[in-house]
Amino acid sequence: MPSRLRIAYAGTPDFAVPALTALHAAGHDLVAVYTQPDRPAGRGQAVTASPVKLRALEFGIPVLQPATLRTPGAAAELARFGPDLMVVAAYGLILPPPVLDAPRLGCWNIHASLLPRWRGAAPIQRAILAGDETTGITIMQMDAGLDTGPMLLSRRIRIGPREHGGSLHDRLAALGAEAIVAAIADWQAGRIVAEPQPAEGATYAPKLRKEEALIDWTAAASAIDRRVRAFNPWPVAETRWDGRQLRIWAAQPVEHAPGGAPGEVVVAAGGRIVVATGDRALSLDRMQLAGRRAVSAAEFLNAHPLAGVRLG
């Protein structure tokens, strides 16, 4: 098998950019990039190209943006590029069987978990929410199921005790780039074979919903802390104060003297904001009122007295 493969790449968000860049740097022939259609984004809702599209254009790779691949001609269009392999990373569209079968070696997925744990759309955030100590990247041969295909290679990393969704996302994106290049090289050298996923231990990571961001102050401080970290940078954990949205960007569990109903601000002095929870308390370190910039607890207290206030 030649060292330089003809690769079609399918991805859309920032997570998928490092792998595309690594495959290009490794000298593979990137014959086409599939990414989702340009969509409105940001406050101005300007129509914006995906991060993967922008990188592909930098490299001069043909870009295709079908709204769906469930059309009679989708597989034939892919086949016209003559790919040996299609690499998929957070593409966002389902690949039907004819498309999966179009490349000579099929389609490989860069998945941000240690399969079979956290199959689905939001493995990074669900791992933090669950309190997992480790996660990683799995390179998987795609089949018609939801992240159920045979595994080719995995890379494991520890989740830091104060890790948030954004930092873990970036570490896994970089790890995925390294892993896909290594998997291709190992496959070419005959060092790896596809292994079925274990029958036990499968969990599902559903897509994040904005409604999940609302903090339940009766929960344990550790659980709220994980929610704050998992949902940074999106959708961002939030509560209500004085009828307004208050987003919590950073927080950490602390001990506090008995007293205070869940959601009650029990400390609002000395640059600290501490809120009672279902067991201990949570120190709010960085927060943001709707329409304002994110600020530290000390900055917030300079403008907003909170002693005795009930959040939620």
Protein backbone atom coordinates (compact mmCIF):
# COMPACT_ATOMS: atom_id res chain seq x y z
CA MET A 1 0.00 0.00 0.00
CA PRO A 2 1.48 3.43 -0.90
CA SER A 3 2.36 5.78 1.93
CA ARG A 4 0.44 8.65 0.33
CA LEU A 5 -3.28 8.01 0.39
CA ARG A 6 -6.03 9.79 -1.51
CA ILE A 7 -8.23 11.03 1.33
CA ALA A 8 -11.63 12.70 1.37
CA TYR A 9 -12.19 14.57 4.63
CA ALA A 10 -15.52 15.36 6.30
CA GLY A 11 -15.70 17.78 9.23
CA THR A 12 -17.21 21.08 10.25
CA PRO A 13 -16.23 22.74 13.58
CA ASP A 14 -12.94 23.78 15.17
CA PHE A 15 -12.47 20.25 16.56
CA ALA A 16 -11.96 18.92 13.03
CA VAL A 17 -9.36 21.48 11.90
CA PRO A 18 -6.22 20.01 13.56
CA ALA A 19 -6.76 16.59 11.97
CA LEU A 20 -7.23 18.11 8.51
CA THR A 21 -4.06 20.13 9.03
CA ALA A 22 -2.12 17.07 10.23
CA LEU A 23 -3.18 14.93 7.26
CA HIS A 24 -2.12 17.71 4.91
CA ALA A 25 1.24 18.04 6.70
CA ALA A 26 1.74 14.27 6.53
CA GLY A 27 1.70 14.51 2.74
CA HIS A 28 -1.56 12.71 2.02
CA ASP A 29 -3.48 13.73 -1.09
CA LEU A 30 -6.61 15.44 0.21
CA VAL A 31 -8.89 15.13 -2.79
CA ALA A 32 -12.02 16.74 -1.32
CA VAL A 33 -13.38 18.23 1.88
CA TYR A 34 -17.00 17.84 2.89
CA THR A 35 -18.39 20.32 5.41
CA GLN A 36 -21.80 21.64 6.37
CA PRO A 37 -23.33 24.56 4.43
CA ASP A 38 -22.46 28.12 5.41
CA ARG A 39 -24.86 29.33 8.10
CA PRO A 40 -25.66 32.53 10.04
CA ALA A 41 -23.49 32.89 13.13
CA GLY A 42 -22.69 35.43 15.85
CA ARG A 43 -24.68 38.40 17.04
CA GLY A 44 -24.98 39.84 13.56
CA GLN A 45 -26.07 36.47 12.13
CA ALA A 46 -23.76 36.93 9.16
CA VAL A 47 -23.54 33.89 6.90
CA THR A 48 -20.28 32.22 7.93
CA ALA A 49 -18.16 29.42 6.51
CA SER A 50 -17.21 26.54 8.81
CA PRO A 51 -13.69 26.44 10.31
CA VAL A 52 -12.96 23.33 8.23
CA LYS A 53 -14.02 25.05 5.01
CA LEU A 54 -11.73 27.98 5.75
CA ARG A 55 -8.75 25.69 6.34
CA ALA A 56 -9.53 23.64 3.23
CA LEU A 57 -9.60 26.79 1.10
CA GLU A 58 -6.20 27.76 2.52
CA PHE A 59 -4.86 24.43 1.29
CA GLY A 60 -6.60 24.69 -2.08
CA ILE A 61 -8.72 21.58 -1.52
CA PRO A 62 -12.08 21.28 -3.33
CA VAL A 63 -14.95 21.90 -0.87
CA LEU A 64 -18.39 20.30 -1.06
CA GLN A 65 -21.27 21.41 1.18
CA PRO A 66 -24.30 19.19 0.62
CA ALA A 67 -27.25 19.65 2.94
CA THR A 68 -27.59 15.87 3.07
CA LEU A 69 -25.78 12.78 1.82
CA ARG A 70 -29.00 10.79 1.61
CA THR A 71 -29.40 11.39 -2.11
CA PRO A 72 -29.02 8.91 -4.98
CA GLY A 73 -25.99 10.71 -6.38
CA ALA A 74 -24.05 11.37 -3.16
CA ALA A 75 -21.98 8.18 -3.22
CA ALA A 76 -21.25 8.51 -6.93
CA GLU A 77 -20.06 12.09 -6.44
CA LEU A 78 -17.68 10.98 -3.68
CA ALA A 79 -16.46 8.05 -5.80
CA ARG A 80 -15.52 10.43 -8.64
CA PHE A 81 -12.70 11.79 -6.47
CA GLY A 82 -11.24 8.28 -6.26
CA PRO A 83 -10.56 8.33 -2.49
CA ASP A 84 -8.77 5.46 -0.81
CA LEU A 85 -10.23 6.57 2.51
CA MET A 86 -12.67 9.07 3.98
CA VAL A 87 -11.76 10.54 7.36
CA VAL A 88 -14.65 11.97 9.38
CA ALA A 89 -14.43 14.27 12.41
CA ALA A 90 -17.48 16.02 13.89
CA TYR A 91 -19.04 16.38 10.45
CA GLY A 92 -22.62 16.61 11.65
CA LEU A 93 -24.31 14.68 8.84
CA ILE A 94 -25.18 10.98 8.71
CA LEU A 95 -23.23 8.94 6.16
CA PRO A 96 -25.58 6.35 4.60
CA PRO A 97 -24.23 2.90 3.62
CA PRO A 98 -23.55 3.78 -0.06
CA VAL A 99 -21.32 6.67 1.05
CA LEU A 100 -19.60 4.55 3.69
CA ASP A 101 -18.77 2.00 1.01
CA ALA A 102 -17.59 4.45 -1.66
CA PRO A 103 -13.92 4.82 -0.57
CA ARG A 104 -11.71 1.78 -1.12
CA LEU A 105 -10.87 1.50 2.60
CA GLY A 106 -14.21 2.81 3.84
CA CYS A 107 -14.66 5.68 6.29
CA TRP A 108 -12.75 6.24 9.54
CA ASN A 109 -14.09 8.41 12.33
CA ILE A 110 -12.11 10.44 14.88
CA HIS A 111 -14.28 10.12 17.98
CA ALA A 112 -13.62 12.09 21.18
CA SER A 113 -14.04 9.30 23.73
CA LEU A 114 -12.80 5.83 24.58
CA LEU A 115 -15.48 3.79 22.87
CA PRO A 116 -17.87 2.25 23.64
CA ARG A 117 -18.22 4.89 26.38
CA TRP A 118 -19.90 8.09 25.21
CA ARG A 119 -21.15 7.25 21.76
CA GLY A 120 -22.99 10.21 20.33
CA ALA A 121 -22.79 13.95 19.79
CA ALA A 122 -21.34 15.39 23.02
CA PRO A 123 -18.76 12.96 24.44
CA ILE A 124 -16.42 15.69 25.75
CA GLN A 125 -18.99 17.44 27.91
CA ARG A 126 -20.70 14.23 29.06
CA ALA A 127 -17.39 12.85 30.32
CA ILE A 128 -16.87 15.92 32.52
CA LEU A 129 -20.49 15.91 33.70
CA ALA A 130 -20.17 12.27 34.76
CA GLY A 131 -16.97 12.93 36.69
CA ASP A 132 -14.87 10.63 34.49
CA GLU A 133 -11.17 10.70 35.33
CA THR A 134 -10.01 9.67 31.87
CA THR A 135 -11.16 9.98 28.29
CA GLY A 136 -9.45 9.94 24.93
CA ILE A 137 -9.69 9.47 21.19
CA THR A 138 -10.85 6.40 19.29
CA ILE A 139 -10.19 5.96 15.58
CA MET A 140 -13.09 3.83 14.40
CA GLN A 141 -14.07 2.12 11.16
CA MET A 142 -17.53 3.54 10.53
CA ASP A 143 -20.59 1.37 10.02
CA ALA A 144 -24.30 2.12 9.77
CA GLY A 145 -24.71 2.34 13.57
CA LEU A 146 -24.13 5.29 15.89
CA ASP A 147 -20.42 5.10 16.74
CA THR A 148 -20.64 1.30 16.86
CA GLY A 149 -17.97 0.34 14.33
CA PRO A 150 -14.76 -1.61 14.95
CA MET A 151 -11.90 0.23 16.66
CA LEU A 152 -8.54 0.76 14.97
CA LEU A 153 -6.60 2.79 17.54
CA SER A 154 -7.20 4.61 20.83
CA ARG A 155 -5.30 7.23 22.81
CA ARG A 156 -6.06 7.87 26.50
CA ILE A 157 -5.64 11.09 28.52
CA ARG A 158 -6.55 12.16 32.04
CA ILE A 159 -9.22 14.76 32.65
CA GLY A 160 -7.78 17.47 34.90
CA PRO A 161 -9.52 18.17 38.22
CA ARG A 162 -10.40 21.70 37.06
CA GLU A 163 -10.72 20.86 33.35
CA HIS A 164 -13.50 22.59 31.45
CA GLY A 165 -15.17 21.71 28.18
CA GLY A 166 -13.12 24.14 26.12
CA SER A 167 -9.72 23.01 27.36
CA LEU A 168 -10.58 19.31 27.03
CA HIS A 169 -11.96 19.95 23.53
CA ASP A 170 -8.68 21.53 22.45
CA ARG A 171 -6.55 18.75 23.94
CA LEU A 172 -8.66 16.06 22.31
CA ALA A 173 -8.64 17.85 18.95
CA ALA A 174 -4.85 17.85 19.01
CA LEU A 175 -4.78 14.22 20.14
CA GLY A 176 -7.20 13.26 17.38
CA ALA A 177 -4.89 14.84 14.79
CA GLU A 178 -1.95 12.80 16.08
CA ALA A 179 -4.04 9.64 16.32
CA ILE A 180 -5.43 9.67 12.77
CA VAL A 181 -1.99 10.13 11.22
CA ALA A 182 -0.62 7.34 13.42
CA ALA A 183 -3.56 5.06 12.63
CA ILE A 184 -3.04 5.41 8.89
CA ALA A 185 0.69 4.75 9.21
CA ASP A 186 0.09 1.73 11.45
CA TRP A 187 -2.56 0.37 9.08
CA GLN A 188 -0.20 0.70 6.13
CA ALA A 189 2.55 -1.07 8.08
CA GLY A 190 0.22 -3.91 9.09
CA ARG A 191 0.54 -3.08 12.78
CA ILE A 192 -3.17 -2.73 13.57
CA VAL A 193 -6.37 -4.56 12.78
CA ALA A 194 -9.95 -3.52 13.45
CA GLU A 195 -11.31 -4.83 16.76
CA PRO A 196 -15.02 -5.01 17.63
CA GLN A 197 -16.14 -2.73 20.43
CA PRO A 198 -16.76 -4.46 23.78
CA ALA A 199 -20.32 -5.60 24.31
CA GLU A 200 -20.43 -3.99 27.76
CA GLY A 201 -19.78 -0.44 28.93
CA ALA A 202 -21.58 1.44 26.18
CA THR A 203 -23.03 4.83 27.14
CA TYR A 204 -24.72 7.53 25.06
CA ALA A 205 -23.72 11.20 24.90
CA PRO A 206 -26.75 13.12 23.63
CA LYS A 207 -26.41 16.54 22.05
CA LEU A 208 -26.24 19.41 24.54
CA ARG A 209 -29.44 21.39 25.10
CA LYS A 210 -29.58 24.97 26.40
CA GLU A 211 -32.14 23.91 29.02
CA GLU A 212 -29.47 21.75 30.69
CA ALA A 213 -27.48 24.87 31.56
CA LEU A 214 -29.89 25.97 34.32
CA ILE A 215 -28.34 25.25 37.72
CA ASP A 216 -30.30 23.27 40.29
CA TRP A 217 -28.95 24.60 43.59
CA THR A 218 -30.34 21.61 45.51
CA ALA A 219 -27.77 19.40 43.77
CA ALA A 220 -24.40 18.63 45.33
CA ALA A 221 -21.70 21.28 44.96
CA SER A 222 -19.48 18.82 43.09
CA ALA A 223 -22.25 18.11 40.54
CA ILE A 224 -22.88 21.82 39.96
CA ASP A 225 -19.14 22.38 39.60
CA ARG A 226 -18.96 19.70 36.91
CA ARG A 227 -21.89 21.31 35.09
CA VAL A 228 -20.17 24.71 35.14
CA ARG A 229 -16.95 23.21 33.79
CA ALA A 230 -18.60 20.95 31.20
CA PHE A 231 -20.74 23.76 29.77
CA ASN A 232 -17.87 26.21 29.35
CA PRO A 233 -17.78 27.58 26.62
CA TRP A 234 -21.29 26.42 25.57
CA PRO A 235 -24.07 26.61 26.57
CA VAL A 236 -22.63 28.08 29.83
CA ALA A 237 -24.20 27.20 33.18
CA GLU A 238 -26.67 29.82 34.38
CA THR A 239 -28.97 30.83 37.19
CA ARG A 240 -31.43 33.67 37.80
CA TRP A 241 -30.81 36.79 39.87
CA ASP A 242 -33.29 39.63 40.24
CA GLY A 243 -35.21 38.28 37.25
CA ARG A 244 -32.12 38.32 35.04
CA GLN A 245 -29.93 35.64 33.53
CA LEU A 246 -26.65 35.20 35.40
CA ARG A 247 -24.15 32.98 33.58
CA ILE A 248 -21.52 31.20 35.66
CA TRP A 249 -18.24 30.75 33.79
CA ALA A 250 -16.07 29.49 36.64
CA ALA A 251 -16.78 28.15 40.12
CA GLN A 252 -15.46 25.63 42.64
CA PRO A 253 -16.82 23.72 45.65
CA VAL A 254 -15.94 25.06 49.10
CA GLU A 255 -16.85 24.26 52.67
CA HIS A 256 -19.07 26.68 54.57
CA ALA A 257 -20.63 26.97 58.00
CA PRO A 258 -24.07 25.33 58.40
CA GLY A 259 -26.99 27.47 57.30
CA GLY A 260 -28.30 28.90 54.08
CA ALA A 261 -30.91 27.37 51.82
CA PRO A 262 -29.78 26.02 48.45
CA GLY A 263 -29.18 28.99 46.15
CA GLU A 264 -28.70 31.47 49.00
CA VAL A 265 -25.61 33.68 48.87
CA VAL A 266 -23.92 32.99 52.20
CA VAL A 267 -20.76 35.02 51.57
CA ALA A 268 -20.65 38.27 49.57
CA ALA A 269 -17.58 40.10 50.82
CA GLY A 270 -13.83 40.22 50.46
CA GLY A 271 -14.07 39.60 46.74
CA ARG A 272 -15.84 36.26 47.30
CA ILE A 273 -19.32 35.08 46.39
CA VAL A 274 -20.28 31.77 48.00
CA VAL A 275 -23.64 30.09 47.38
CA ALA A 276 -25.19 27.28 49.44
CA THR A 277 -25.98 24.07 47.58
CA GLY A 278 -27.60 20.76 48.42
CA ASP A 279 -24.63 19.74 50.53
CA ARG A 280 -21.71 22.17 50.75
CA ALA A 281 -21.31 25.44 48.86
CA LEU A 282 -19.99 26.81 45.60
CA SER A 283 -17.65 29.75 45.18
CA LEU A 284 -18.61 31.74 42.07
CA ASP A 285 -15.35 32.92 40.54
CA ARG A 286 -16.42 34.39 37.21
CA MET A 287 -19.91 35.40 36.08
CA GLN A 288 -21.78 37.39 33.47
CA LEU A 289 -25.07 39.23 33.45
CA ALA A 290 -27.00 39.14 30.17
CA GLY A 291 -25.68 41.81 27.83
CA ARG A 292 -22.57 42.44 29.94
CA ARG A 293 -19.02 41.14 29.89
CA ALA A 294 -17.85 38.32 32.15
CA VAL A 295 -16.28 39.59 35.39
CA SER A 296 -14.64 38.26 38.54
CA ALA A 297 -16.55 37.91 41.80
CA ALA A 298 -14.80 41.01 43.17
CA GLU A 299 -15.80 43.09 40.15
CA PHE A 300 -19.37 41.87 40.37
CA LEU A 301 -19.64 42.77 44.04
CA ASN A 302 -18.39 46.29 43.37
CA ALA A 303 -21.60 46.96 41.45
CA HIS A 304 -24.08 44.45 42.89
CA PRO A 305 -24.54 43.73 46.62
CA LEU A 306 -25.55 40.09 46.99
CA ALA A 307 -25.55 39.34 50.74
CA GLY A 308 -28.56 37.19 51.59
CA VAL A 309 -29.80 37.04 48.00
CA ARG A 310 -31.37 33.80 46.75
CA LEU A 311 -30.32 32.67 43.28
CA GLY A 312 -32.37 30.47 41.02
